[in-house]
Amino acid sequence: MIRILLVDDHPVARHGIKSLLADRMKEAFIGEAADAASALRHIREGGWDLAIVDLSMPGMSGLDLIKEIHQVQPALPTLALSMHPPSQFARRALSAGAIGYITKDAKLDEFVNAVDSARRGRRYISSDTADLLLRQAAKWDSLPHESLSDREYQMLRLLGSGQTISDIGRDLGLSVKTVSTYRARVLEKLGMRSNAELMRYAIENQLLET
């Protein structure tokens, strides 16, 4: 039996994906985890063939969870699942150790193919994503936000979308002080002084949802 662990903080999303995989992959057992802590407990028990990890979760982000999974179970493939377009997170997910990247708006057949390829240990990147990564490769070193850590990059996107420090802290389960520290680091690394500058930068570099 194939054992797949689905990590997503949204019950409706987990139910939909679980139903899809149960219908298309009859031999699969789908386990569920709503956050990083419970996911890691399952991972440490072993016996999984694949972990599907949503990148947008409160507390430990999906990117950090993927890194942690590879510390705990280096041979376990992870498939990054995201509502964000590949241009915003694909490279970071693959750099974190994901074997593939798939978006939540992917067609059903594409999603199942991604899961099947990943659980067999084969890298999965759609042709569109591969083309995008190739086009962007030459620009990465020259883009200031590429110097940000994954958490700092997350803060840039949230601040750039107009969220307040309090809102971000509440949504991510972080203290206001911690969020303020990350904000200060982002401003320093990008050579900026205000949220308005961060917002302009995020918009100009297409880092926000359209």
C-alpha atoms as a PDB file:
ATOM      1  CA  MET A   1       0.000   0.000   0.000  1.00  0.00           C
ATOM      2  CA  ILE A   2       1.168   3.512  -0.837  1.00  0.00           C
ATOM      3  CA  ARG A   3       1.198   5.795   2.207  1.00  0.00           C
ATOM      4  CA  ILE A   4       0.892   9.523   1.539  1.00  0.00           C
ATOM      5  CA  LEU A   5       0.892  12.210   4.226  1.00  0.00           C
ATOM      6  CA  LEU A   6      -1.090  15.325   3.315  1.00  0.00           C
ATOM      7  CA  VAL A   7      -0.107  18.448   5.281  1.00  0.00           C
ATOM      8  CA  ASP A   8      -2.499  21.386   4.962  1.00  0.00           C
ATOM      9  CA  ASP A   9      -4.090  23.580   7.609  1.00  0.00           C
ATOM     10  CA  HIS A  10      -7.388  23.888   5.711  1.00  0.00           C
ATOM     11  CA  PRO A  11      -9.798  20.982   6.414  1.00  0.00           C
ATOM     12  CA  VAL A  12     -11.767  21.583   3.213  1.00  0.00           C
ATOM     13  CA  ALA A  13      -8.609  21.470   1.093  1.00  0.00           C
ATOM     14  CA  ARG A  14      -7.450  18.274   2.810  1.00  0.00           C
ATOM     15  CA  HIS A  15     -10.837  16.649   2.274  1.00  0.00           C
ATOM     16  CA  GLY A  16     -10.909  17.563  -1.411  1.00  0.00           C
ATOM     17  CA  ILE A  17      -7.383  16.329  -2.108  1.00  0.00           C
ATOM     18  CA  LYS A  18      -7.891  13.179  -0.061  1.00  0.00           C
ATOM     19  CA  SER A  19     -11.089  12.367  -1.959  1.00  0.00           C
ATOM     20  CA  LEU A  20      -9.374  12.956  -5.296  1.00  0.00           C
ATOM     21  CA  LEU A  21      -6.419  10.718  -4.481  1.00  0.00           C
ATOM     22  CA  ALA A  22      -8.628   8.021  -2.970  1.00  0.00           C
ATOM     23  CA  ASP A  23     -10.630   7.971  -6.198  1.00  0.00           C
ATOM     24  CA  ARG A  24      -7.651   7.984  -8.565  1.00  0.00           C
ATOM     25  CA  MET A  25      -5.153   5.959  -6.497  1.00  0.00           C
ATOM     26  CA  LYS A  26      -7.136   3.075  -5.052  1.00  0.00           C
ATOM     27  CA  GLU A  27      -4.085   1.507  -3.423  1.00  0.00           C
ATOM     28  CA  ALA A  28      -3.169   4.641  -1.469  1.00  0.00           C
ATOM     29  CA  PHE A  29      -3.664   5.410   2.212  1.00  0.00           C
ATOM     30  CA  ILE A  30      -3.877   9.167   2.805  1.00  0.00           C
ATOM     31  CA  GLY A  31      -2.838  10.425   6.222  1.00  0.00           C
ATOM     32  CA  GLU A  32      -3.562  13.977   7.333  1.00  0.00           C
ATOM     33  CA  ALA A  33      -1.784  16.660   9.351  1.00  0.00           C
ATOM     34  CA  ALA A  34      -3.076  20.173   9.988  1.00  0.00           C
ATOM     35  CA  ASP A  35       0.222  21.753  11.009  1.00  0.00           C
ATOM     36  CA  ALA A  36       3.975  21.246  11.032  1.00  0.00           C
ATOM     37  CA  ALA A  37       4.132  19.818  14.553  1.00  0.00           C
ATOM     38  CA  SER A  38       1.649  17.028  13.872  1.00  0.00           C
ATOM     39  CA  ALA A  39       3.243  16.394  10.464  1.00  0.00           C
ATOM     40  CA  LEU A  40       6.637  15.859  12.041  1.00  0.00           C
ATOM     41  CA  ARG A  41       5.163  13.453  14.595  1.00  0.00           C
ATOM     42  CA  HIS A  42       3.784  11.361  11.743  1.00  0.00           C
ATOM     43  CA  ILE A  43       7.043  11.616   9.792  1.00  0.00           C
ATOM     44  CA  ARG A  44       9.101  10.392  12.743  1.00  0.00           C
ATOM     45  CA  GLU A  45       6.913   7.295  12.972  1.00  0.00           C
ATOM     46  CA  GLY A  46       8.101   6.407   9.468  1.00  0.00           C
ATOM     47  CA  GLY A  47       6.471   4.284   6.806  1.00  0.00           C
ATOM     48  CA  TRP A  48       5.488   7.090   4.435  1.00  0.00           C
ATOM     49  CA  ASP A  49       6.123   7.072   0.695  1.00  0.00           C
ATOM     50  CA  LEU A  50       5.414  10.767   0.102  1.00  0.00           C
ATOM     51  CA  ALA A  51       4.610  13.964   1.985  1.00  0.00           C
ATOM     52  CA  ILE A  52       2.496  16.594   0.227  1.00  0.00           C
ATOM     53  CA  VAL A  53       3.174  19.907   1.967  1.00  0.00           C
ATOM     54  CA  ASP A  54       1.153  23.080   1.622  1.00  0.00           C
ATOM     55  CA  LEU A  55       3.517  26.058   1.639  1.00  0.00           C
ATOM     56  CA  SER A  56       1.151  28.519   3.336  1.00  0.00           C
ATOM     57  CA  MET A  57       0.594  27.482   6.923  1.00  0.00           C
ATOM     58  CA  PRO A  58       0.600  29.371  10.231  1.00  0.00           C
ATOM     59  CA  GLY A  59       3.593  28.851  12.490  1.00  0.00           C
ATOM     60  CA  MET A  60       6.346  26.930  10.721  1.00  0.00           C
ATOM     61  CA  SER A  61       6.008  27.595   7.008  1.00  0.00           C
ATOM     62  CA  GLY A  62       5.780  24.830   4.446  1.00  0.00           C
ATOM     63  CA  LEU A  63       9.260  25.671   3.178  1.00  0.00           C
ATOM     64  CA  ASP A  64      10.729  25.268   6.653  1.00  0.00           C
ATOM     65  CA  LEU A  65       8.759  22.070   7.170  1.00  0.00           C
ATOM     66  CA  ILE A  66      10.162  20.581   3.964  1.00  0.00           C
ATOM     67  CA  LYS A  67      13.674  21.332   5.218  1.00  0.00           C
ATOM     68  CA  GLU A  68      12.869  19.758   8.577  1.00  0.00           C
ATOM     69  CA  ILE A  69      11.397  16.646   6.962  1.00  0.00           C
ATOM     70  CA  HIS A  70      14.635  16.115   5.088  1.00  0.00           C
ATOM     71  CA  GLN A  71      16.523  16.317   8.353  1.00  0.00           C
ATOM     72  CA  VAL A  72      14.256  13.709   9.958  1.00  0.00           C
ATOM     73  CA  GLN A  73      13.684  11.428   6.943  1.00  0.00           C
ATOM     74  CA  PRO A  74      16.200  12.324   4.191  1.00  0.00           C
ATOM     75  CA  ALA A  75      14.900   9.686   1.779  1.00  0.00           C
ATOM     76  CA  LEU A  76      11.248  10.753   1.997  1.00  0.00           C
ATOM     77  CA  PRO A  77      10.177  12.716  -1.107  1.00  0.00           C
ATOM     78  CA  THR A  78       8.130  15.850  -0.542  1.00  0.00           C
ATOM     79  CA  LEU A  79       5.806  17.510  -3.033  1.00  0.00           C
ATOM     80  CA  ALA A  80       5.263  21.243  -2.511  1.00  0.00           C
ATOM     81  CA  LEU A  81       1.634  22.295  -2.834  1.00  0.00           C
ATOM     82  CA  SER A  82       0.802  25.962  -3.221  1.00  0.00           C
ATOM     83  CA  MET A  83      -1.936  28.399  -4.123  1.00  0.00           C
ATOM     84  CA  HIS A  84       0.823  30.738  -5.328  1.00  0.00           C
ATOM     85  CA  PRO A  85       2.116  30.769  -8.925  1.00  0.00           C
ATOM     86  CA  PRO A  86       5.471  29.092  -9.633  1.00  0.00           C
ATOM     87  CA  SER A  87       7.141  32.458 -10.216  1.00  0.00           C
ATOM     88  CA  GLN A  88       6.790  33.243  -6.511  1.00  0.00           C
ATOM     89  CA  PHE A  89       7.716  29.994  -4.762  1.00  0.00           C
ATOM     90  CA  ALA A  90       8.829  27.188  -7.100  1.00  0.00           C
ATOM     91  CA  ARG A  91      12.554  27.901  -6.891  1.00  0.00           C
ATOM     92  CA  ARG A  92      12.462  28.264  -3.104  1.00  0.00           C
ATOM     93  CA  ALA A  93      10.481  25.046  -2.712  1.00  0.00           C
ATOM     94  CA  LEU A  94      12.915  23.065  -4.859  1.00  0.00           C
ATOM     95  CA  SER A  95      15.875  24.634  -3.054  1.00  0.00           C
ATOM     96  CA  ALA A  96      14.317  23.594   0.255  1.00  0.00           C
ATOM     97  CA  GLY A  97      14.370  19.995  -0.944  1.00  0.00           C
ATOM     98  CA  ALA A  98      10.975  19.418  -2.562  1.00  0.00           C
ATOM     99  CA  ILE A  99      10.997  16.888  -5.363  1.00  0.00           C
ATOM    100  CA  GLY A 100       8.258  18.768  -7.169  1.00  0.00           C
ATOM    101  CA  TYR A 101       5.956  21.768  -7.182  1.00  0.00           C
ATOM    102  CA  ILE A 102       2.263  21.786  -7.994  1.00  0.00           C
ATOM    103  CA  THR A 103      -0.341  24.528  -7.630  1.00  0.00           C
ATOM    104  CA  LYS A 104      -3.808  24.054  -6.168  1.00  0.00           C
ATOM    105  CA  ASP A 105      -5.440  25.183  -9.398  1.00  0.00           C
ATOM    106  CA  ALA A 106      -3.746  22.450 -11.440  1.00  0.00           C
ATOM    107  CA  LYS A 107      -5.938  20.173 -13.549  1.00  0.00           C
ATOM    108  CA  LEU A 108      -6.912  16.917 -11.840  1.00  0.00           C
ATOM    109  CA  ASP A 109      -4.854  14.685 -14.146  1.00  0.00           C
ATOM    110  CA  GLU A 110      -1.810  16.907 -13.723  1.00  0.00           C
ATOM    111  CA  PHE A 111      -2.176  16.813  -9.938  1.00  0.00           C
ATOM    112  CA  VAL A 112      -2.423  13.011  -9.853  1.00  0.00           C
ATOM    113  CA  ASN A 113       0.557  12.691 -12.206  1.00  0.00           C
ATOM    114  CA  ALA A 114       2.580  14.971  -9.950  1.00  0.00           C
ATOM    115  CA  VAL A 115       1.748  12.884  -6.884  1.00  0.00           C
ATOM    116  CA  ASP A 116       2.487   9.612  -8.663  1.00  0.00           C
ATOM    117  CA  SER A 117       5.815  10.869 -10.028  1.00  0.00           C
ATOM    118  CA  ALA A 118       6.869  12.285  -6.667  1.00  0.00           C
ATOM    119  CA  ARG A 119       6.031   9.158  -4.665  1.00  0.00           C
ATOM    120  CA  ARG A 120       8.176   7.159  -7.135  1.00  0.00           C
ATOM    121  CA  GLY A 121      11.079   9.503  -6.434  1.00  0.00           C
ATOM    122  CA  ARG A 122      10.889  11.302  -9.769  1.00  0.00           C
ATOM    123  CA  ARG A 123      11.146  15.080  -9.886  1.00  0.00           C
ATOM    124  CA  TYR A 124       7.940  16.745 -11.045  1.00  0.00           C
ATOM    125  CA  ILE A 125       7.932  20.197 -12.595  1.00  0.00           C
ATOM    126  CA  SER A 126       5.386  21.189 -15.213  1.00  0.00           C
ATOM    127  CA  SER A 127       6.763  22.300 -18.564  1.00  0.00           C
ATOM    128  CA  ASP A 128       5.534  25.843 -17.913  1.00  0.00           C
ATOM    129  CA  THR A 129       7.298  25.929 -14.546  1.00  0.00           C
ATOM    130  CA  ALA A 130      10.504  24.544 -16.051  1.00  0.00           C
ATOM    131  CA  ASP A 131      10.471  27.216 -18.749  1.00  0.00           C
ATOM    132  CA  LEU A 132       9.852  29.893 -16.127  1.00  0.00           C
ATOM    133  CA  LEU A 133      12.751  28.727 -13.951  1.00  0.00           C
ATOM    134  CA  LEU A 134      15.085  28.745 -16.936  1.00  0.00           C
ATOM    135  CA  ARG A 135      14.037  32.263 -17.898  1.00  0.00           C
ATOM    136  CA  GLN A 136      14.460  33.539 -14.372  1.00  0.00           C
ATOM    137  CA  ALA A 137      17.758  31.814 -13.618  1.00  0.00           C
ATOM    138  CA  ALA A 138      19.921  34.577 -15.052  1.00  0.00           C
ATOM    139  CA  LYS A 139      18.092  37.204 -12.975  1.00  0.00           C
ATOM    140  CA  TRP A 140      18.223  35.586  -9.531  1.00  0.00           C
ATOM    141  CA  ASP A 141      21.596  36.893  -8.465  1.00  0.00           C
ATOM    142  CA  SER A 142      20.633  40.448  -9.382  1.00  0.00           C
ATOM    143  CA  LEU A 143      17.268  40.497  -7.591  1.00  0.00           C
ATOM    144  CA  PRO A 144      17.547  41.972  -4.069  1.00  0.00           C
ATOM    145  CA  HIS A 145      14.753  39.811  -2.633  1.00  0.00           C
ATOM    146  CA  GLU A 146      16.652  36.639  -3.535  1.00  0.00           C
ATOM    147  CA  SER A 147      19.008  37.460  -0.642  1.00  0.00           C
ATOM    148  CA  LEU A 148      16.125  37.120   1.825  1.00  0.00           C
ATOM    149  CA  SER A 149      15.562  33.990   3.864  1.00  0.00           C
ATOM    150  CA  ASP A 150      12.333  32.097   3.235  1.00  0.00           C
ATOM    151  CA  ARG A 151      10.676  33.667   6.286  1.00  0.00           C
ATOM    152  CA  GLU A 152      11.903  37.148   5.326  1.00  0.00           C
ATOM    153  CA  TYR A 153      10.556  36.624   1.819  1.00  0.00           C
ATOM    154  CA  GLN A 154       7.214  35.658   3.319  1.00  0.00           C
ATOM    155  CA  MET A 155       7.237  38.845   5.389  1.00  0.00           C
ATOM    156  CA  LEU A 156       8.035  40.936   2.309  1.00  0.00           C
ATOM    157  CA  ARG A 157       5.016  39.523   0.496  1.00  0.00           C
ATOM    158  CA  LEU A 158       2.689  40.014   3.458  1.00  0.00           C
ATOM    159  CA  LEU A 159       3.869  43.534   4.223  1.00  0.00           C
ATOM    160  CA  GLY A 160       3.822  44.334   0.536  1.00  0.00           C
ATOM    161  CA  SER A 161       0.181  43.304   0.368  1.00  0.00           C
ATOM    162  CA  GLY A 162      -0.664  45.874   3.045  1.00  0.00           C
ATOM    163  CA  GLN A 163      -1.014  43.609   6.083  1.00  0.00           C
ATOM    164  CA  THR A 164      -0.127  45.087   9.443  1.00  0.00           C
ATOM    165  CA  ILE A 165       2.415  43.639  11.829  1.00  0.00           C
ATOM    166  CA  SER A 166      -0.412  42.626  14.175  1.00  0.00           C
ATOM    167  CA  ASP A 167      -2.300  40.886  11.358  1.00  0.00           C
ATOM    168  CA  ILE A 168       0.789  38.975  10.286  1.00  0.00           C
ATOM    169  CA  GLY A 169       1.599  37.932  13.837  1.00  0.00           C
ATOM    170  CA  ARG A 170      -1.925  36.646  14.390  1.00  0.00           C
ATOM    171  CA  ASP A 171      -2.062  34.718  11.108  1.00  0.00           C
ATOM    172  CA  LEU A 172       1.367  33.136  11.514  1.00  0.00           C
ATOM    173  CA  GLY A 173       1.205  32.565  15.248  1.00  0.00           C
ATOM    174  CA  LEU A 174       4.158  34.884  15.892  1.00  0.00           C
ATOM    175  CA  SER A 175       4.614  37.684  18.394  1.00  0.00           C
ATOM    176  CA  VAL A 176       4.478  41.300  17.270  1.00  0.00           C
ATOM    177  CA  LYS A 177       8.090  41.645  18.390  1.00  0.00           C
ATOM    178  CA  THR A 178       9.193  38.744  16.178  1.00  0.00           C
ATOM    179  CA  VAL A 179       7.369  40.118  13.145  1.00  0.00           C
ATOM    180  CA  SER A 180       8.858  43.563  13.776  1.00  0.00           C
ATOM    181  CA  THR A 181      12.327  42.010  13.856  1.00  0.00           C
ATOM    182  CA  TYR A 182      11.747  40.302  10.517  1.00  0.00           C
ATOM    183  CA  ARG A 183      10.411  43.552   9.068  1.00  0.00           C
ATOM    184  CA  ALA A 184      13.555  45.377  10.177  1.00  0.00           C
ATOM    185  CA  ARG A 185      15.749  42.729   8.545  1.00  0.00           C
ATOM    186  CA  VAL A 186      13.834  42.938   5.268  1.00  0.00           C
ATOM    187  CA  LEU A 187      14.071  46.724   5.198  1.00  0.00           C
ATOM    188  CA  GLU A 188      17.798  46.571   5.894  1.00  0.00           C
ATOM    189  CA  LYS A 189      18.562  43.938   3.263  1.00  0.00           C
ATOM    190  CA  LEU A 190      16.551  45.758   0.607  1.00  0.00           C
ATOM    191  CA  GLY A 191      17.896  49.173   1.590  1.00  0.00           C
ATOM    192  CA  MET A 192      14.444  50.574   2.329  1.00  0.00           C
ATOM    193  CA  ARG A 193      12.872  52.571   5.142  1.00  0.00           C
ATOM    194  CA  SER A 194       9.113  52.101   5.005  1.00  0.00           C
ATOM    195  CA  ASN A 195       6.279  49.714   4.265  1.00  0.00           C
ATOM    196  CA  ALA A 196       5.313  51.914   1.330  1.00  0.00           C
ATOM    197  CA  GLU A 197       8.652  51.157  -0.305  1.00  0.00           C
ATOM    198  CA  LEU A 198       8.165  47.451   0.353  1.00  0.00           C
ATOM    199  CA  MET A 199       4.721  47.591  -1.224  1.00  0.00           C
ATOM    200  CA  ARG A 200       6.041  49.337  -4.325  1.00  0.00           C
ATOM    201  CA  TYR A 201       8.898  46.842  -4.638  1.00  0.00           C
ATOM    202  CA  ALA A 202       6.583  43.844  -4.241  1.00  0.00           C
ATOM    203  CA  ILE A 203       4.218  45.177  -6.901  1.00  0.00           C
ATOM    204  CA  GLU A 204       6.988  46.082  -9.352  1.00  0.00           C
ATOM    205  CA  ASN A 205       8.536  42.616  -9.017  1.00  0.00           C
ATOM    206  CA  GLN A 206       5.193  40.783  -9.250  1.00  0.00           C
ATOM    207  CA  LEU A 207       5.543  39.154  -5.844  1.00  0.00           C
ATOM    208  CA  LEU A 208       1.879  39.540  -4.939  1.00  0.00           C
ATOM    209  CA  GLU A 209      -1.276  37.777  -6.056  1.00  0.00           C
ATOM    210  CA  THR A 210      -2.842  39.155  -9.231  1.00  0.00           C
END
